[in-house]
Amino acid sequence: MTNTNLHDDLVVFDGLIISNWGSDVFNAMQKGGLTAANCTCSVWENFRDTMLNIGAWNGMFSEHSEQITKAISVADIRNAKSDGKTAIVLGFQN
């Protein structure tokens, strides 16, 4: 295996990202070869606000479908990699 294709063969998973989500972040993830990431969608929010955040994420999955996809299984992560997208696992803290 050469260095030029090593990243193509790897599954790169970032275990925790908190960010101001949007196109710039998703572009950087994709450009950097990030296969998947656990993206925080709720930290201190109450139930209602957490549900609103999940709704916002569902909108981002639709709006940025060329860059990201929701992952709820390992198969979703594998499919994202083969499609050239970053798989997003929604994460919750606290």
C-alpha atoms as a PDB file:
ATOM      1  CA  MET A   1       0.000   0.000   0.000  1.00  0.00           C
ATOM      2  CA  THR A   2       1.421   3.407  -0.914  1.00  0.00           C
ATOM      3  CA  ASN A   3       0.898   6.617   0.992  1.00  0.00           C
ATOM      4  CA  THR A   4      -1.165   8.007  -1.871  1.00  0.00           C
ATOM      5  CA  ASN A   5      -3.949   5.498  -1.348  1.00  0.00           C
ATOM      6  CA  LEU A   6      -3.609   4.777   2.377  1.00  0.00           C
ATOM      7  CA  HIS A   7      -6.303   7.306   3.251  1.00  0.00           C
ATOM      8  CA  ASP A   8      -8.587   5.770   0.635  1.00  0.00           C
ATOM      9  CA  ASP A   9      -8.403   2.445   2.489  1.00  0.00           C
ATOM     10  CA  LEU A  10      -8.773   3.816   6.025  1.00  0.00           C
ATOM     11  CA  VAL A  11     -11.951   4.431   7.957  1.00  0.00           C
ATOM     12  CA  VAL A  12     -11.294   7.694   9.796  1.00  0.00           C
ATOM     13  CA  PHE A  13     -13.756   8.334  12.640  1.00  0.00           C
ATOM     14  CA  ASP A  14     -13.707  11.465  14.792  1.00  0.00           C
ATOM     15  CA  GLY A  15     -15.212  10.484  18.138  1.00  0.00           C
ATOM     16  CA  LEU A  16     -16.405  13.930  19.222  1.00  0.00           C
ATOM     17  CA  ILE A  17     -17.035  17.146  17.347  1.00  0.00           C
ATOM     18  CA  ILE A  18     -18.853  20.191  18.661  1.00  0.00           C
ATOM     19  CA  SER A  19     -19.136  22.904  16.035  1.00  0.00           C
ATOM     20  CA  ASN A  20     -21.155  25.632  14.440  1.00  0.00           C
ATOM     21  CA  TRP A  21     -22.467  23.242  11.794  1.00  0.00           C
ATOM     22  CA  GLY A  22     -22.775  24.273   8.197  1.00  0.00           C
ATOM     23  CA  SER A  23     -21.420  24.007   4.691  1.00  0.00           C
ATOM     24  CA  ASP A  24     -17.891  25.161   5.581  1.00  0.00           C
ATOM     25  CA  VAL A  25     -17.531  22.512   8.291  1.00  0.00           C
ATOM     26  CA  PHE A  26     -19.013  19.797   6.079  1.00  0.00           C
ATOM     27  CA  ASN A  27     -16.683  20.805   3.202  1.00  0.00           C
ATOM     28  CA  ALA A  28     -13.671  20.574   5.518  1.00  0.00           C
ATOM     29  CA  MET A  29     -14.771  17.136   6.753  1.00  0.00           C
ATOM     30  CA  GLN A  30     -15.171  15.869   3.220  1.00  0.00           C
ATOM     31  CA  LYS A  31     -11.953  17.464   1.935  1.00  0.00           C
ATOM     32  CA  GLY A  32     -10.014  16.045   4.887  1.00  0.00           C
ATOM     33  CA  GLY A  33     -11.200  12.523   4.139  1.00  0.00           C
ATOM     34  CA  LEU A  34     -13.186  12.123   7.345  1.00  0.00           C
ATOM     35  CA  THR A  35     -15.210   8.946   6.977  1.00  0.00           C
ATOM     36  CA  ALA A  36     -17.512   9.540   9.935  1.00  0.00           C
ATOM     37  CA  ALA A  37     -17.910  11.610  13.062  1.00  0.00           C
ATOM     38  CA  ASN A  38     -19.850  11.644  16.292  1.00  0.00           C
ATOM     39  CA  CYS A  39     -21.336  15.151  16.123  1.00  0.00           C
ATOM     40  CA  THR A  40     -22.794  16.627  19.274  1.00  0.00           C
ATOM     41  CA  CYS A  41     -26.378  17.710  18.757  1.00  0.00           C
ATOM     42  CA  SER A  42     -27.238  18.235  22.423  1.00  0.00           C
ATOM     43  CA  VAL A  43     -25.139  19.187  25.428  1.00  0.00           C
ATOM     44  CA  TRP A  44     -27.200  20.960  28.106  1.00  0.00           C
ATOM     45  CA  GLU A  45     -30.450  21.356  26.169  1.00  0.00           C
ATOM     46  CA  ASN A  46     -33.751  20.185  27.592  1.00  0.00           C
ATOM     47  CA  PHE A  47     -35.948  17.646  25.792  1.00  0.00           C
ATOM     48  CA  ARG A  48     -37.753  20.198  23.618  1.00  0.00           C
ATOM     49  CA  ASP A  49     -34.561  21.914  22.494  1.00  0.00           C
ATOM     50  CA  THR A  50     -32.868  18.573  21.853  1.00  0.00           C
ATOM     51  CA  MET A  51     -35.762  17.577  19.579  1.00  0.00           C
ATOM     52  CA  LEU A  52     -35.420  20.912  17.758  1.00  0.00           C
ATOM     53  CA  ASN A  53     -31.702  20.218  17.292  1.00  0.00           C
ATOM     54  CA  ILE A  54     -32.447  16.782  15.855  1.00  0.00           C
ATOM     55  CA  GLY A  55     -34.945  18.421  13.502  1.00  0.00           C
ATOM     56  CA  ALA A  56     -32.274  20.919  12.447  1.00  0.00           C
ATOM     57  CA  TRP A  57     -29.877  18.039  11.772  1.00  0.00           C
ATOM     58  CA  ASN A  58     -32.490  16.316   9.624  1.00  0.00           C
ATOM     59  CA  GLY A  59     -32.702  19.545   7.624  1.00  0.00           C
ATOM     60  CA  MET A  60     -28.914  19.632   7.259  1.00  0.00           C
ATOM     61  CA  PHE A  61     -28.883  16.012   6.075  1.00  0.00           C
ATOM     62  CA  SER A  62     -31.270  17.041   3.328  1.00  0.00           C
ATOM     63  CA  GLU A  63     -29.636  20.384   2.484  1.00  0.00           C
ATOM     64  CA  HIS A  64     -26.079  19.004   2.460  1.00  0.00           C
ATOM     65  CA  SER A  65     -26.820  15.534   1.087  1.00  0.00           C
ATOM     66  CA  GLU A  66     -23.838  15.711  -1.279  1.00  0.00           C
ATOM     67  CA  GLN A  67     -21.479  16.018   1.703  1.00  0.00           C
ATOM     68  CA  ILE A  68     -23.022  14.261   4.708  1.00  0.00           C
ATOM     69  CA  THR A  69     -25.386  11.448   5.559  1.00  0.00           C
ATOM     70  CA  LYS A  70     -26.934  10.204   8.789  1.00  0.00           C
ATOM     71  CA  ALA A  71     -25.386   7.042  10.186  1.00  0.00           C
ATOM     72  CA  ILE A  72     -27.167   4.675  12.531  1.00  0.00           C
ATOM     73  CA  SER A  73     -25.205   1.567  11.580  1.00  0.00           C
ATOM     74  CA  VAL A  74     -21.755   0.477  10.463  1.00  0.00           C
ATOM     75  CA  ALA A  75     -23.254  -0.205   7.036  1.00  0.00           C
ATOM     76  CA  ASP A  76     -24.249   3.470   6.823  1.00  0.00           C
ATOM     77  CA  ILE A  77     -20.637   4.470   7.519  1.00  0.00           C
ATOM     78  CA  ARG A  78     -19.326   2.077   4.868  1.00  0.00           C
ATOM     79  CA  ASN A  79     -21.869   3.367   2.352  1.00  0.00           C
ATOM     80  CA  ALA A  80     -20.919   6.976   3.108  1.00  0.00           C
ATOM     81  CA  LYS A  81     -17.252   6.181   2.480  1.00  0.00           C
ATOM     82  CA  SER A  82     -17.995   4.520  -0.839  1.00  0.00           C
ATOM     83  CA  ASP A  83     -20.191   7.504  -1.795  1.00  0.00           C
ATOM     84  CA  GLY A  84     -17.488  10.024  -0.874  1.00  0.00           C
ATOM     85  CA  LYS A  85     -19.533  11.503   1.970  1.00  0.00           C
ATOM     86  CA  THR A  86     -18.983  11.904   5.692  1.00  0.00           C
ATOM     87  CA  ALA A  87     -21.300   9.821   7.875  1.00  0.00           C
ATOM     88  CA  ILE A  88     -22.713  11.670  10.874  1.00  0.00           C
ATOM     89  CA  VAL A  89     -23.572   9.888  14.117  1.00  0.00           C
ATOM     90  CA  LEU A  90     -25.624  12.210  16.292  1.00  0.00           C
ATOM     91  CA  GLY A  91     -24.106  12.419  19.738  1.00  0.00           C
ATOM     92  CA  PHE A  92     -25.487  13.508  23.088  1.00  0.00           C
ATOM     93  CA  GLN A  93     -23.539  14.733  26.101  1.00  0.00           C
ATOM     94  CA  ASN A  94     -24.325  15.250  29.773  1.00  0.00           C
END
